[in-house]
Amino acid sequence: MTGLTFSTRLLFPGLVTPYPTIRVTTAFGTRETPATREVKYTDSYPNGPSCGTRTTSATVTAAIPG
């Protein structure tokens, strides 16, 4: 299976790690993909900077078993 793209938002409050390992499990098996580059995080303020609530996010890519 090639060319398949899947995107989802996962929230892990308080977790900020430079080299995460992503484990994807499907009916076809499990695949672990370690980050080969340092993940770059960005901060945003969804309700505006005066609200005080900061959201930290990053984008990573992992292979899907199949």
Protein backbone atom coordinates (compact mmCIF):
# COMPACT_ATOMS: atom_id res chain seq x y z
CA MET A 1 0.00 0.00 0.00
CA THR A 2 1.70 3.19 -1.13
CA GLY A 3 0.62 6.77 -1.43
CA LEU A 4 -1.82 6.50 1.46
CA THR A 5 -2.03 9.59 3.61
CA PHE A 6 -3.82 9.78 6.92
CA SER A 7 -3.88 12.70 9.29
CA THR A 8 -5.19 12.95 12.81
CA ARG A 9 -4.71 15.19 15.79
CA LEU A 10 -3.46 13.54 18.93
CA LEU A 11 -3.12 15.39 22.19
CA PHE A 12 -0.54 14.52 24.84
CA PRO A 13 -0.62 17.36 27.38
CA GLY A 14 2.83 18.15 28.73
CA LEU A 15 4.68 15.85 26.30
CA VAL A 16 7.39 17.59 24.29
CA THR A 17 10.15 15.25 23.14
CA PRO A 18 12.68 15.98 20.38
CA TYR A 19 12.83 12.42 18.94
CA PRO A 20 9.52 10.57 19.43
CA THR A 21 8.81 7.04 18.25
CA ILE A 22 5.41 6.62 16.60
CA ARG A 23 3.74 3.21 16.82
CA VAL A 24 0.90 2.54 14.36
CA THR A 25 -1.19 -0.61 14.87
CA THR A 26 -3.73 -1.84 12.31
CA ALA A 27 -5.32 -5.18 11.44
CA PHE A 28 -2.23 -5.78 9.25
CA GLY A 29 0.27 -5.42 12.07
CA THR A 30 2.29 -2.90 14.01
CA ARG A 31 5.04 -0.63 12.77
CA GLU A 32 7.26 1.62 14.86
CA THR A 33 8.79 4.65 13.21
CA PRO A 34 11.43 6.56 15.15
CA ALA A 35 11.85 10.22 14.30
CA THR A 36 15.03 10.57 12.27
CA ARG A 37 15.10 14.35 12.57
CA GLU A 38 14.47 16.49 15.59
CA VAL A 39 10.81 17.45 15.79
CA LYS A 40 10.21 21.20 15.67
CA TYR A 41 7.43 22.43 17.92
CA THR A 42 5.46 25.63 17.51
CA ASP A 43 3.41 27.50 20.06
CA SER A 44 0.06 29.07 19.31
CA TYR A 45 -2.64 30.81 21.29
CA PRO A 46 -6.01 29.64 19.88
CA ASN A 47 -7.98 32.20 21.91
CA GLY A 48 -5.49 35.02 21.42
CA PRO A 49 -2.30 35.86 23.32
CA SER A 50 -4.16 37.70 26.07
CA CYS A 51 -6.06 34.50 26.98
CA GLY A 52 -2.89 32.89 28.33
CA THR A 53 -3.66 29.37 27.11
CA ARG A 54 -0.73 28.15 25.02
CA THR A 55 -0.93 25.17 22.65
CA THR A 56 2.30 23.44 21.59
CA SER A 57 2.12 21.35 18.42
CA ALA A 58 4.27 19.51 15.88
CA THR A 59 3.79 17.48 12.71
CA VAL A 60 5.35 14.05 12.24
CA THR A 61 5.02 11.37 9.54
CA ALA A 62 4.89 7.61 10.16
CA ALA A 63 4.53 4.56 7.91
CA ILE A 64 1.29 2.58 8.09
CA PRO A 65 1.55 -1.24 8.17
CA GLY A 66 -0.01 -3.04 5.28
